Amino acid sequence: MRHWLWLAVVYAGLAGAQAPVEQGRKSADTVLDAQQKAGMAYHDWQDALAVRAQAQQELEQANAAYQEAAQQLNASKQRAAAAQQALETAKTREIATHNAYERATAAVNRAWDKKPSSKR
């Protein structure tokens, strides 16, 4: 980029040297104005590069956080499924043990010749 600026300065200098004094002064002002604009455009470009790099870094961090959250979600789903299975197993066991209790109390009641209770 700087090479182009130097070439532009040299070219403008050569053009200014061949032109009349008034024209040369006008060309020098034009070149200086163009150089200032090029300098500002270069700084804007550098700022845009920095902003893009910052945005790229933020995107990578957001993607990493998303991946971690997805893994945590999968782990949570697995824990919830395991807890659901444990609950179903516990309910089945509760029903089986309650039925065993009912049969045992019915046997005791029969042994004592009592009517079965209808509690539940």
C-alpha atoms as a PDB file:
ATOM      1  CA  MET A   1       0.000   0.000   0.000  1.00  0.00           C
ATOM      2  CA  ARG A   2       2.817   2.388   0.864  1.00  0.00           C
ATOM      3  CA  HIS A   3       4.508   1.674  -2.462  1.00  0.00           C
ATOM      4  CA  TRP A   4       1.447   2.937  -4.270  1.00  0.00           C
ATOM      5  CA  LEU A   5       1.467   6.096  -2.178  1.00  0.00           C
ATOM      6  CA  TRP A   6       5.118   6.739  -3.019  1.00  0.00           C
ATOM      7  CA  LEU A   7       4.484   6.071  -6.666  1.00  0.00           C
ATOM      8  CA  ALA A   8       1.570   8.477  -6.557  1.00  0.00           C
ATOM      9  CA  VAL A   9       3.775  11.126  -4.912  1.00  0.00           C
ATOM     10  CA  VAL A  10       6.550  10.640  -7.484  1.00  0.00           C
ATOM     11  CA  TYR A  11       4.101  10.697 -10.336  1.00  0.00           C
ATOM     12  CA  ALA A  12       2.420  13.822  -8.986  1.00  0.00           C
ATOM     13  CA  GLY A  13       5.827  15.434  -8.519  1.00  0.00           C
ATOM     14  CA  LEU A  14       6.777  14.715 -12.098  1.00  0.00           C
ATOM     15  CA  ALA A  15       3.456  15.946 -13.345  1.00  0.00           C
ATOM     16  CA  GLY A  16       3.734  19.060 -11.220  1.00  0.00           C
ATOM     17  CA  ALA A  17       7.244  19.803 -12.457  1.00  0.00           C
ATOM     18  CA  GLN A  18       6.095  19.846 -16.048  1.00  0.00           C
ATOM     19  CA  ALA A  19       2.960  21.893 -15.446  1.00  0.00           C
ATOM     20  CA  PRO A  20       2.833  25.640 -14.974  1.00  0.00           C
ATOM     21  CA  VAL A  21       3.366  26.882 -11.410  1.00  0.00           C
ATOM     22  CA  GLU A  22      -0.329  27.458 -10.750  1.00  0.00           C
ATOM     23  CA  GLN A  23      -1.236  24.033 -12.154  1.00  0.00           C
ATOM     24  CA  GLY A  24       1.626  22.388 -10.183  1.00  0.00           C
ATOM     25  CA  ARG A  25       0.383  23.891  -6.938  1.00  0.00           C
ATOM     26  CA  LYS A  26      -3.120  22.687  -7.646  1.00  0.00           C
ATOM     27  CA  SER A  27      -1.808  19.184  -8.425  1.00  0.00           C
ATOM     28  CA  ALA A  28       0.263  19.109  -5.244  1.00  0.00           C
ATOM     29  CA  ASP A  29      -2.833  20.048  -3.213  1.00  0.00           C
ATOM     30  CA  THR A  30      -4.792  17.336  -5.048  1.00  0.00           C
ATOM     31  CA  VAL A  31      -2.078  14.770  -4.316  1.00  0.00           C
ATOM     32  CA  LEU A  32      -1.887  15.808  -0.663  1.00  0.00           C
ATOM     33  CA  ASP A  33      -5.669  15.565  -0.381  1.00  0.00           C
ATOM     34  CA  ALA A  34      -5.630  12.140  -2.042  1.00  0.00           C
ATOM     35  CA  GLN A  35      -2.834  10.988   0.278  1.00  0.00           C
ATOM     36  CA  GLN A  36      -4.771  12.123   3.325  1.00  0.00           C
ATOM     37  CA  LYS A  37      -7.844  10.283   2.078  1.00  0.00           C
ATOM     38  CA  ALA A  38      -5.742   7.176   1.417  1.00  0.00           C
ATOM     39  CA  GLY A  39      -4.279   7.416   4.921  1.00  0.00           C
ATOM     40  CA  MET A  40      -7.719   7.719   6.472  1.00  0.00           C
ATOM     41  CA  ALA A  41      -8.978   4.830   4.350  1.00  0.00           C
ATOM     42  CA  TYR A  42      -5.995   2.734   5.472  1.00  0.00           C
ATOM     43  CA  HIS A  43      -6.741   3.477   9.133  1.00  0.00           C
ATOM     44  CA  ASP A  44     -10.421   2.653   8.570  1.00  0.00           C
ATOM     45  CA  TRP A  45      -9.340  -0.615   6.966  1.00  0.00           C
ATOM     46  CA  GLN A  46      -7.084  -1.433   9.932  1.00  0.00           C
ATOM     47  CA  ASP A  47      -9.961  -0.659  12.297  1.00  0.00           C
ATOM     48  CA  ALA A  48     -12.254  -2.913  10.263  1.00  0.00           C
ATOM     49  CA  LEU A  49      -9.665  -5.708  10.439  1.00  0.00           C
ATOM     50  CA  ALA A  50      -9.492  -5.336  14.218  1.00  0.00           C
ATOM     51  CA  VAL A  51     -13.289  -5.370  14.518  1.00  0.00           C
ATOM     52  CA  ARG A  52     -13.463  -8.473  12.306  1.00  0.00           C
ATOM     53  CA  ALA A  53     -10.812 -10.220  14.410  1.00  0.00           C
ATOM     54  CA  GLN A  54     -12.752  -9.344  17.571  1.00  0.00           C
ATOM     55  CA  ALA A  55     -15.990 -10.631  16.039  1.00  0.00           C
ATOM     56  CA  GLN A  56     -14.248 -13.834  14.916  1.00  0.00           C
ATOM     57  CA  GLN A  57     -12.944 -14.406  18.440  1.00  0.00           C
ATOM     58  CA  GLU A  58     -16.386 -13.771  19.941  1.00  0.00           C
ATOM     59  CA  LEU A  59     -17.931 -16.205  17.454  1.00  0.00           C
ATOM     60  CA  GLU A  60     -15.410 -18.901  18.371  1.00  0.00           C
ATOM     61  CA  GLN A  61     -16.084 -18.334  22.081  1.00  0.00           C
ATOM     62  CA  ALA A  62     -19.842 -18.448  21.507  1.00  0.00           C
ATOM     63  CA  ASN A  63     -19.507 -21.682  19.512  1.00  0.00           C
ATOM     64  CA  ALA A  64     -17.393 -23.229  22.271  1.00  0.00           C
ATOM     65  CA  ALA A  65     -19.956 -22.179  24.892  1.00  0.00           C
ATOM     66  CA  TYR A  66     -22.743 -23.587  22.718  1.00  0.00           C
ATOM     67  CA  GLN A  67     -20.939 -26.908  22.358  1.00  0.00           C
ATOM     68  CA  GLU A  68     -20.379 -27.090  26.111  1.00  0.00           C
ATOM     69  CA  ALA A  69     -24.034 -26.273  26.768  1.00  0.00           C
ATOM     70  CA  ALA A  70     -25.120 -28.949  24.286  1.00  0.00           C
ATOM     71  CA  GLN A  71     -22.929 -31.508  26.060  1.00  0.00           C
ATOM     72  CA  GLN A  72     -24.351 -30.468  29.419  1.00  0.00           C
ATOM     73  CA  LEU A  73     -27.858 -30.754  27.982  1.00  0.00           C
ATOM     74  CA  ASN A  74     -27.153 -34.276  26.749  1.00  0.00           C
ATOM     75  CA  ALA A  75     -25.726 -35.237  30.143  1.00  0.00           C
ATOM     76  CA  SER A  76     -28.790 -33.740  31.864  1.00  0.00           C
ATOM     77  CA  LYS A  77     -31.118 -35.633  29.538  1.00  0.00           C
ATOM     78  CA  GLN A  78     -29.289 -38.866  30.338  1.00  0.00           C
ATOM     79  CA  ARG A  79     -29.519 -38.169  34.078  1.00  0.00           C
ATOM     80  CA  ALA A  80     -33.235 -37.374  33.727  1.00  0.00           C
ATOM     81  CA  ALA A  81     -33.832 -40.582  31.771  1.00  0.00           C
ATOM     82  CA  ALA A  82     -31.953 -42.583  34.408  1.00  0.00           C
ATOM     83  CA  ALA A  83     -33.953 -40.882  37.171  1.00  0.00           C
ATOM     84  CA  GLN A  84     -37.194 -41.642  35.307  1.00  0.00           C
ATOM     85  CA  GLN A  85     -36.181 -45.294  35.008  1.00  0.00           C
ATOM     86  CA  ALA A  86     -35.290 -45.387  38.719  1.00  0.00           C
ATOM     87  CA  LEU A  87     -38.691 -43.890  39.547  1.00  0.00           C
ATOM     88  CA  GLU A  88     -40.479 -46.496  37.430  1.00  0.00           C
ATOM     89  CA  THR A  89     -38.476 -49.267  39.119  1.00  0.00           C
ATOM     90  CA  ALA A  90     -39.286 -47.840  42.555  1.00  0.00           C
ATOM     91  CA  LYS A  91     -42.993 -47.623  41.708  1.00  0.00           C
ATOM     92  CA  THR A  92     -42.985 -51.228  40.508  1.00  0.00           C
ATOM     93  CA  ARG A  93     -41.201 -52.326  43.675  1.00  0.00           C
ATOM     94  CA  GLU A  94     -43.612 -50.312  45.812  1.00  0.00           C
ATOM     95  CA  ILE A  95     -46.596 -51.990  44.156  1.00  0.00           C
ATOM     96  CA  ALA A  96     -45.022 -55.442  44.513  1.00  0.00           C
ATOM     97  CA  THR A  97     -44.147 -54.915  48.183  1.00  0.00           C
ATOM     98  CA  HIS A  98     -47.573 -53.437  48.905  1.00  0.00           C
ATOM     99  CA  ASN A  99     -49.226 -56.458  47.286  1.00  0.00           C
ATOM    100  CA  ALA A 100     -46.979 -58.759  49.326  1.00  0.00           C
ATOM    101  CA  TYR A 101     -47.984 -56.842  52.457  1.00  0.00           C
ATOM    102  CA  GLU A 102     -51.667 -57.139  51.542  1.00  0.00           C
ATOM    103  CA  ARG A 103     -51.284 -60.886  50.978  1.00  0.00           C
ATOM    104  CA  ALA A 104     -49.413 -61.262  54.276  1.00  0.00           C
ATOM    105  CA  THR A 105     -52.025 -59.327  56.253  1.00  0.00           C
ATOM    106  CA  ALA A 106     -54.775 -61.285  54.511  1.00  0.00           C
ATOM    107  CA  ALA A 107     -53.047 -64.498  55.589  1.00  0.00           C
ATOM    108  CA  VAL A 108     -52.821 -63.222  59.171  1.00  0.00           C
ATOM    109  CA  ASN A 109     -56.481 -62.244  59.102  1.00  0.00           C
ATOM    110  CA  ARG A 110     -57.443 -65.649  57.731  1.00  0.00           C
ATOM    111  CA  ALA A 111     -55.388 -67.236  60.483  1.00  0.00           C
ATOM    112  CA  TRP A 112     -57.391 -65.252  63.011  1.00  0.00           C
ATOM    113  CA  ASP A 113     -60.637 -65.750  61.083  1.00  0.00           C
ATOM    114  CA  LYS A 114     -61.091 -61.987  60.539  1.00  0.00           C
ATOM    115  CA  LYS A 115     -62.617 -60.214  57.595  1.00  0.00           C
ATOM    116  CA  PRO A 116     -60.031 -58.562  55.295  1.00  0.00           C
ATOM    117  CA  SER A 117     -59.734 -54.804  55.704  1.00  0.00           C
ATOM    118  CA  SER A 118     -60.603 -52.638  52.730  1.00  0.00           C
ATOM    119  CA  LYS A 119     -58.004 -49.945  53.513  1.00  0.00           C
ATOM    120  CA  ARG A 120     -55.724 -48.726  50.852  1.00  0.00           C
END
